[in-house]
Amino acid sequence: MNTNGRSATKRPSTAEARELVTSGTGVTRMLALKDVEIPVSNTTDRLWLMEPTNDATTLQTTTTLTITTNVTAREFSSGTYSRSFRLDRIIFEPKAQ
């Protein structure tokens, strides 16, 4: 969500997307997106949950991260690419200003 409460989307450029092709036989560490701004987030931490007046069951989560593949039907049926992948972790690193 952006600061106005509307959904915000960021996708890699075509050139960046070409660099995101990996091998199924090894581990790959890659930068998927850079300069992504996340101006607001409605996540909580343990300190918030420790406050007796806060109730986690009433929270509505609106911050999500969606990851998709862009393998075409032709690429999939020919065996050129697969649509399945596994993620071990996603690391958000703050940008130095």
C-alpha atoms as a PDB file:
ATOM      1  CA  MET A   1       0.000   0.000   0.000  1.00  0.00           C
ATOM      2  CA  ASN A   2       1.113   3.523  -0.623  1.00  0.00           C
ATOM      3  CA  THR A   3       0.536   6.400   1.771  1.00  0.00           C
ATOM      4  CA  ASN A   4      -2.929   7.022   0.244  1.00  0.00           C
ATOM      5  CA  GLY A   5      -4.058   3.460   1.058  1.00  0.00           C
ATOM      6  CA  ARG A   6      -3.978   2.308  -2.561  1.00  0.00           C
ATOM      7  CA  SER A   7      -2.174  -0.773  -3.854  1.00  0.00           C
ATOM      8  CA  ALA A   8       1.286  -0.114  -5.227  1.00  0.00           C
ATOM      9  CA  THR A   9       3.052  -2.397  -7.700  1.00  0.00           C
ATOM     10  CA  LYS A  10       6.663  -2.659  -8.838  1.00  0.00           C
ATOM     11  CA  ARG A  11       7.828  -4.962 -11.616  1.00  0.00           C
ATOM     12  CA  PRO A  12      11.282  -5.447 -13.091  1.00  0.00           C
ATOM     13  CA  SER A  13      11.953  -4.075 -16.564  1.00  0.00           C
ATOM     14  CA  THR A  14      12.212  -6.528 -19.475  1.00  0.00           C
ATOM     15  CA  ALA A  15      16.002  -6.340 -19.376  1.00  0.00           C
ATOM     16  CA  GLU A  16      16.040  -6.961 -15.611  1.00  0.00           C
ATOM     17  CA  ALA A  17      13.607  -9.871 -15.997  1.00  0.00           C
ATOM     18  CA  ARG A  18      15.933 -11.619 -18.467  1.00  0.00           C
ATOM     19  CA  GLU A  19      18.617 -11.658 -15.769  1.00  0.00           C
ATOM     20  CA  LEU A  20      16.274 -13.468 -13.372  1.00  0.00           C
ATOM     21  CA  VAL A  21      16.531 -16.821 -15.189  1.00  0.00           C
ATOM     22  CA  THR A  22      18.109 -19.433 -12.926  1.00  0.00           C
ATOM     23  CA  SER A  23      19.277 -23.029 -13.103  1.00  0.00           C
ATOM     24  CA  GLY A  24      17.329 -25.772 -11.404  1.00  0.00           C
ATOM     25  CA  THR A  25      20.530 -27.549 -10.394  1.00  0.00           C
ATOM     26  CA  GLY A  26      22.138 -24.896  -8.228  1.00  0.00           C
ATOM     27  CA  VAL A  27      21.549 -22.179  -5.695  1.00  0.00           C
ATOM     28  CA  THR A  28      21.241 -18.660  -7.076  1.00  0.00           C
ATOM     29  CA  ARG A  29      21.339 -15.427  -5.133  1.00  0.00           C
ATOM     30  CA  MET A  30      19.944 -12.511  -7.095  1.00  0.00           C
ATOM     31  CA  LEU A  31      18.726  -8.968  -6.853  1.00  0.00           C
ATOM     32  CA  ALA A  32      15.148  -9.025  -8.086  1.00  0.00           C
ATOM     33  CA  LEU A  33      14.253  -5.348  -7.631  1.00  0.00           C
ATOM     34  CA  LYS A  34      16.077  -2.253  -6.496  1.00  0.00           C
ATOM     35  CA  ASP A  35      14.953   1.139  -5.292  1.00  0.00           C
ATOM     36  CA  VAL A  36      11.585  -0.202  -4.130  1.00  0.00           C
ATOM     37  CA  GLU A  37       9.867   2.172  -1.736  1.00  0.00           C
ATOM     38  CA  ILE A  38       7.594   0.768   0.926  1.00  0.00           C
ATOM     39  CA  PRO A  39       6.203   3.945   2.484  1.00  0.00           C
ATOM     40  CA  VAL A  40       3.801   2.258   4.886  1.00  0.00           C
ATOM     41  CA  SER A  41       3.327  -1.164   6.386  1.00  0.00           C
ATOM     42  CA  ASN A  42       0.824  -2.543   8.854  1.00  0.00           C
ATOM     43  CA  THR A  43       3.022  -5.180  10.434  1.00  0.00           C
ATOM     44  CA  THR A  44       3.414  -5.622  14.167  1.00  0.00           C
ATOM     45  CA  ASP A  45       6.252  -6.770  16.367  1.00  0.00           C
ATOM     46  CA  ARG A  46       6.449  -8.690  19.631  1.00  0.00           C
ATOM     47  CA  LEU A  47       6.646  -5.498  21.647  1.00  0.00           C
ATOM     48  CA  TRP A  48       3.249  -4.421  20.265  1.00  0.00           C
ATOM     49  CA  LEU A  49       1.796  -7.860  21.009  1.00  0.00           C
ATOM     50  CA  MET A  50       3.009  -7.705  24.625  1.00  0.00           C
ATOM     51  CA  GLU A  51       0.727  -4.737  25.346  1.00  0.00           C
ATOM     52  CA  PRO A  52      -2.443  -6.207  26.930  1.00  0.00           C
ATOM     53  CA  THR A  53      -4.723  -3.673  25.209  1.00  0.00           C
ATOM     54  CA  ASN A  54      -3.592  -4.764  21.727  1.00  0.00           C
ATOM     55  CA  ASP A  55      -5.463  -7.644  20.114  1.00  0.00           C
ATOM     56  CA  ALA A  56      -3.818  -9.387  17.165  1.00  0.00           C
ATOM     57  CA  THR A  57      -7.093 -11.033  16.086  1.00  0.00           C
ATOM     58  CA  THR A  58      -8.524  -7.645  15.071  1.00  0.00           C
ATOM     59  CA  LEU A  59      -5.677  -6.774  12.696  1.00  0.00           C
ATOM     60  CA  GLN A  60      -6.270  -6.693   8.978  1.00  0.00           C
ATOM     61  CA  THR A  61      -3.147  -7.317   6.893  1.00  0.00           C
ATOM     62  CA  THR A  62      -2.924  -5.185   3.758  1.00  0.00           C
ATOM     63  CA  THR A  63       0.819  -5.394   3.083  1.00  0.00           C
ATOM     64  CA  THR A  64       1.641  -8.328   0.827  1.00  0.00           C
ATOM     65  CA  LEU A  65       4.423  -9.430  -1.484  1.00  0.00           C
ATOM     66  CA  THR A  66       3.389 -11.390  -4.571  1.00  0.00           C
ATOM     67  CA  ILE A  67       5.922 -13.273  -6.695  1.00  0.00           C
ATOM     68  CA  THR A  68       4.928 -14.716 -10.064  1.00  0.00           C
ATOM     69  CA  THR A  69       6.634 -16.291 -13.062  1.00  0.00           C
ATOM     70  CA  ASN A  70       6.271 -15.048 -16.615  1.00  0.00           C
ATOM     71  CA  VAL A  71       6.845 -18.364 -18.402  1.00  0.00           C
ATOM     72  CA  THR A  72       4.668 -18.571 -21.494  1.00  0.00           C
ATOM     73  CA  ALA A  73       2.596 -21.636 -22.377  1.00  0.00           C
ATOM     74  CA  ARG A  74       4.932 -22.354 -25.311  1.00  0.00           C
ATOM     75  CA  GLU A  75       8.061 -22.156 -23.108  1.00  0.00           C
ATOM     76  CA  PHE A  76       6.421 -24.409 -20.520  1.00  0.00           C
ATOM     77  CA  SER A  77       5.113 -27.049 -22.961  1.00  0.00           C
ATOM     78  CA  SER A  78       8.428 -27.225 -24.828  1.00  0.00           C
ATOM     79  CA  GLY A  79      10.318 -27.746 -21.581  1.00  0.00           C
ATOM     80  CA  THR A  80      12.407 -24.601 -22.069  1.00  0.00           C
ATOM     81  CA  TYR A  81      11.342 -23.242 -18.668  1.00  0.00           C
ATOM     82  CA  SER A  82       9.429 -24.477 -15.660  1.00  0.00           C
ATOM     83  CA  ARG A  83       6.827 -22.490 -13.744  1.00  0.00           C
ATOM     84  CA  SER A  84       7.828 -23.850 -10.363  1.00  0.00           C
ATOM     85  CA  PHE A  85      10.462 -22.328  -8.123  1.00  0.00           C
ATOM     86  CA  ARG A  86      11.481 -22.337  -4.503  1.00  0.00           C
ATOM     87  CA  LEU A  87      12.438 -19.443  -2.277  1.00  0.00           C
ATOM     88  CA  ASP A  88      14.636 -19.858   0.732  1.00  0.00           C
ATOM     89  CA  ARG A  89      14.416 -16.274   1.947  1.00  0.00           C
ATOM     90  CA  ILE A  90      13.744 -12.717   0.913  1.00  0.00           C
ATOM     91  CA  ILE A  91      16.028 -10.069   2.327  1.00  0.00           C
ATOM     92  CA  PHE A  92      15.008  -6.420   2.432  1.00  0.00           C
ATOM     93  CA  GLU A  93      18.045  -4.217   2.838  1.00  0.00           C
ATOM     94  CA  PRO A  94      17.591  -0.518   3.580  1.00  0.00           C
ATOM     95  CA  LYS A  95      19.116   1.858   1.123  1.00  0.00           C
ATOM     96  CA  ALA A  96      21.781   4.187   2.474  1.00  0.00           C
ATOM     97  CA  GLN A  97      20.789   7.812   1.979  1.00  0.00           C
END
